[in-house]
N, C-alpha and C. Protein backbone atom coordinates (compact mmCIF):
# COMPACT_ATOMS: atom_id res chain seq x y z
N MET A 1 -17.30 13.45 -18.12
CA MET A 1 -16.20 13.98 -17.27
C MET A 1 -16.52 13.97 -15.90
N GLN A 2 -15.75 13.51 -15.06
CA GLN A 2 -15.99 13.48 -13.57
C GLN A 2 -16.00 14.91 -12.99
N GLY A 3 -16.65 15.10 -11.92
CA GLY A 3 -16.74 16.32 -11.22
C GLY A 3 -15.44 16.65 -10.44
N SER A 4 -15.35 17.83 -9.88
CA SER A 4 -14.13 18.11 -9.03
C SER A 4 -14.39 17.73 -7.62
N PRO A 5 -13.50 16.84 -6.96
CA PRO A 5 -13.71 16.54 -5.68
C PRO A 5 -13.61 17.73 -4.61
N ALA A 6 -12.86 18.69 -4.98
CA ALA A 6 -12.65 19.86 -4.17
C ALA A 6 -13.90 20.65 -4.20
N PHE A 7 -14.56 20.84 -5.29
CA PHE A 7 -15.87 21.57 -5.43
C PHE A 7 -16.95 20.80 -4.70
N ASP A 8 -17.04 19.51 -5.05
CA ASP A 8 -18.12 18.75 -4.51
C ASP A 8 -18.09 18.72 -2.96
N HIS A 9 -16.86 18.61 -2.40
CA HIS A 9 -16.72 18.64 -0.95
C HIS A 9 -17.03 19.93 -0.29
N GLY A 10 -16.79 21.04 -0.95
CA GLY A 10 -16.95 22.37 -0.36
C GLY A 10 -18.24 23.10 -0.76
N VAL A 11 -19.08 22.48 -1.69
CA VAL A 11 -20.26 23.12 -2.24
C VAL A 11 -21.20 23.59 -1.12
N GLU A 12 -21.36 22.81 -0.03
CA GLU A 12 -22.28 23.14 1.00
C GLU A 12 -21.84 24.38 1.83
N ASN A 13 -20.56 24.67 1.73
CA ASN A 13 -20.01 25.82 2.52
C ASN A 13 -19.97 27.05 1.62
N GLN A 14 -20.24 26.94 0.41
CA GLN A 14 -20.10 28.07 -0.54
C GLN A 14 -20.95 29.26 -0.10
N GLY A 15 -22.12 29.05 0.50
CA GLY A 15 -22.99 30.09 0.81
C GLY A 15 -22.54 30.81 2.07
N LEU A 16 -21.56 30.28 2.72
CA LEU A 16 -21.01 30.96 3.92
C LEU A 16 -20.09 32.19 3.47
N LEU A 17 -19.66 32.11 2.26
CA LEU A 17 -18.71 33.12 1.75
C LEU A 17 -19.34 34.50 1.51
N GLY A 18 -20.67 34.54 1.40
CA GLY A 18 -21.29 35.68 0.88
C GLY A 18 -21.47 35.64 -0.64
N TRP A 19 -22.45 36.37 -1.19
CA TRP A 19 -22.82 36.16 -2.62
C TRP A 19 -21.63 36.63 -3.55
N ASN A 20 -20.89 37.64 -3.25
CA ASN A 20 -19.77 38.04 -4.09
C ASN A 20 -18.68 37.00 -4.27
N LEU A 21 -18.19 36.53 -3.15
CA LEU A 21 -17.15 35.50 -3.15
C LEU A 21 -17.67 34.23 -3.68
N ALA A 22 -18.91 33.83 -3.36
CA ALA A 22 -19.46 32.55 -3.80
C ALA A 22 -19.56 32.64 -5.39
N LYS A 23 -19.99 33.83 -5.92
CA LYS A 23 -20.04 33.97 -7.37
C LYS A 23 -18.68 33.86 -8.12
N LYS A 24 -17.63 34.51 -7.47
CA LYS A 24 -16.21 34.46 -7.98
C LYS A 24 -15.75 32.95 -7.86
N MET A 25 -16.12 32.27 -6.75
CA MET A 25 -15.54 30.88 -6.64
C MET A 25 -16.20 30.00 -7.70
N ALA A 26 -17.56 30.08 -7.94
CA ALA A 26 -18.22 29.42 -8.94
C ALA A 26 -17.62 29.65 -10.28
N TYR A 27 -17.31 30.84 -10.60
CA TYR A 27 -16.80 31.19 -11.83
C TYR A 27 -15.38 30.53 -12.11
N ALA A 28 -14.55 30.55 -11.03
CA ALA A 28 -13.21 29.98 -11.07
C ALA A 28 -13.40 28.44 -11.33
N TYR A 29 -14.26 27.75 -10.59
CA TYR A 29 -14.47 26.35 -10.80
C TYR A 29 -14.94 26.11 -12.20
N GLU A 30 -15.84 26.94 -12.74
CA GLU A 30 -16.35 26.65 -14.04
C GLU A 30 -15.19 26.80 -15.14
N GLN A 31 -14.32 27.77 -14.91
CA GLN A 31 -13.13 27.95 -15.80
C GLN A 31 -12.31 26.67 -15.72
N ILE A 32 -12.01 26.20 -14.57
CA ILE A 32 -11.19 25.00 -14.44
C ILE A 32 -11.84 23.79 -15.06
N ARG A 33 -13.17 23.69 -14.87
CA ARG A 33 -13.87 22.59 -15.52
C ARG A 33 -13.83 22.60 -16.98
N SER A 34 -14.02 23.85 -17.59
CA SER A 34 -13.93 24.05 -18.93
C SER A 34 -12.59 23.64 -19.53
N PHE A 35 -11.56 24.12 -18.93
CA PHE A 35 -10.19 23.75 -19.27
C PHE A 35 -9.95 22.26 -19.19
N ARG A 36 -10.37 21.58 -18.13
CA ARG A 36 -10.21 20.11 -17.99
C ARG A 36 -10.97 19.47 -19.11
N SER A 37 -12.14 19.88 -19.41
CA SER A 37 -12.98 19.23 -20.60
C SER A 37 -12.23 19.44 -21.85
N SER A 38 -11.78 20.59 -22.18
CA SER A 38 -11.09 20.92 -23.43
C SER A 38 -9.85 20.14 -23.48
N PHE A 39 -9.04 20.07 -22.33
CA PHE A 39 -7.79 19.32 -22.46
C PHE A 39 -8.04 17.83 -22.66
N ALA A 40 -9.11 17.21 -22.08
CA ALA A 40 -9.40 15.84 -22.23
C ALA A 40 -9.75 15.57 -23.70
N ILE A 41 -10.49 16.40 -24.34
CA ILE A 41 -10.73 16.26 -25.71
C ILE A 41 -9.53 16.39 -26.62
N LEU A 42 -8.66 17.30 -26.33
CA LEU A 42 -7.40 17.37 -27.03
C LEU A 42 -6.48 16.20 -26.84
N VAL A 43 -6.42 15.71 -25.68
CA VAL A 43 -5.63 14.40 -25.44
C VAL A 43 -6.27 13.23 -26.16
N ARG A 44 -7.68 13.18 -26.06
CA ARG A 44 -8.28 12.06 -26.73
C ARG A 44 -8.12 12.02 -28.26
N ASP A 45 -8.23 13.16 -28.75
CA ASP A 45 -8.21 13.27 -30.26
C ASP A 45 -6.92 13.70 -30.88
N HIS A 46 -5.89 13.71 -30.14
CA HIS A 46 -4.56 14.34 -30.68
C HIS A 46 -4.15 13.52 -31.93
N GLY A 47 -4.34 12.34 -32.04
CA GLY A 47 -3.92 11.57 -33.21
C GLY A 47 -4.59 11.96 -34.54
N ALA A 48 -5.89 12.50 -34.38
CA ALA A 48 -6.64 12.76 -35.59
C ALA A 48 -6.46 14.29 -36.02
N MET A 49 -5.72 15.01 -35.25
CA MET A 49 -5.39 16.36 -35.58
C MET A 49 -4.18 16.56 -36.45
N TYR A 50 -4.20 17.50 -37.35
CA TYR A 50 -2.99 17.94 -38.02
C TYR A 50 -3.17 19.34 -38.47
N VAL A 51 -2.02 19.93 -38.82
CA VAL A 51 -1.91 21.29 -39.33
C VAL A 51 -1.90 21.24 -40.85
N ASP A 52 -2.67 22.15 -41.53
CA ASP A 52 -2.49 22.22 -42.99
C ASP A 52 -1.14 22.43 -43.41
N GLY A 53 -0.74 21.71 -44.48
CA GLY A 53 0.66 21.84 -44.89
C GLY A 53 1.62 20.92 -44.30
N LEU A 54 1.27 20.35 -43.20
CA LEU A 54 2.22 19.32 -42.55
C LEU A 54 1.60 17.97 -42.58
N THR A 55 2.34 16.96 -42.74
CA THR A 55 1.77 15.65 -42.77
C THR A 55 1.90 15.09 -41.35
N LYS A 56 0.97 14.23 -41.15
CA LYS A 56 0.83 13.58 -39.80
C LYS A 56 2.02 12.50 -39.69
N SER A 57 2.69 12.58 -38.61
CA SER A 57 3.79 11.61 -38.39
C SER A 57 3.19 10.23 -38.21
N SER A 58 4.03 9.21 -38.57
CA SER A 58 3.59 7.90 -38.39
C SER A 58 3.87 7.28 -36.95
N SER A 59 4.57 8.01 -36.12
CA SER A 59 4.82 7.54 -34.78
C SER A 59 3.76 7.79 -33.82
């Protein structure tokens, strides 16, 4: 998975925010990265997923 251009561009300025805001910003970017990774897996493997009791459609 590729990095975030917004984070990569601003990482050198993160220290200017102070430790508390820098910590919150890093946490927010990690949450976004985690969502993007999970969504990429879901999109990639959606054809192999099915719910018990339902048949997989042929389309």
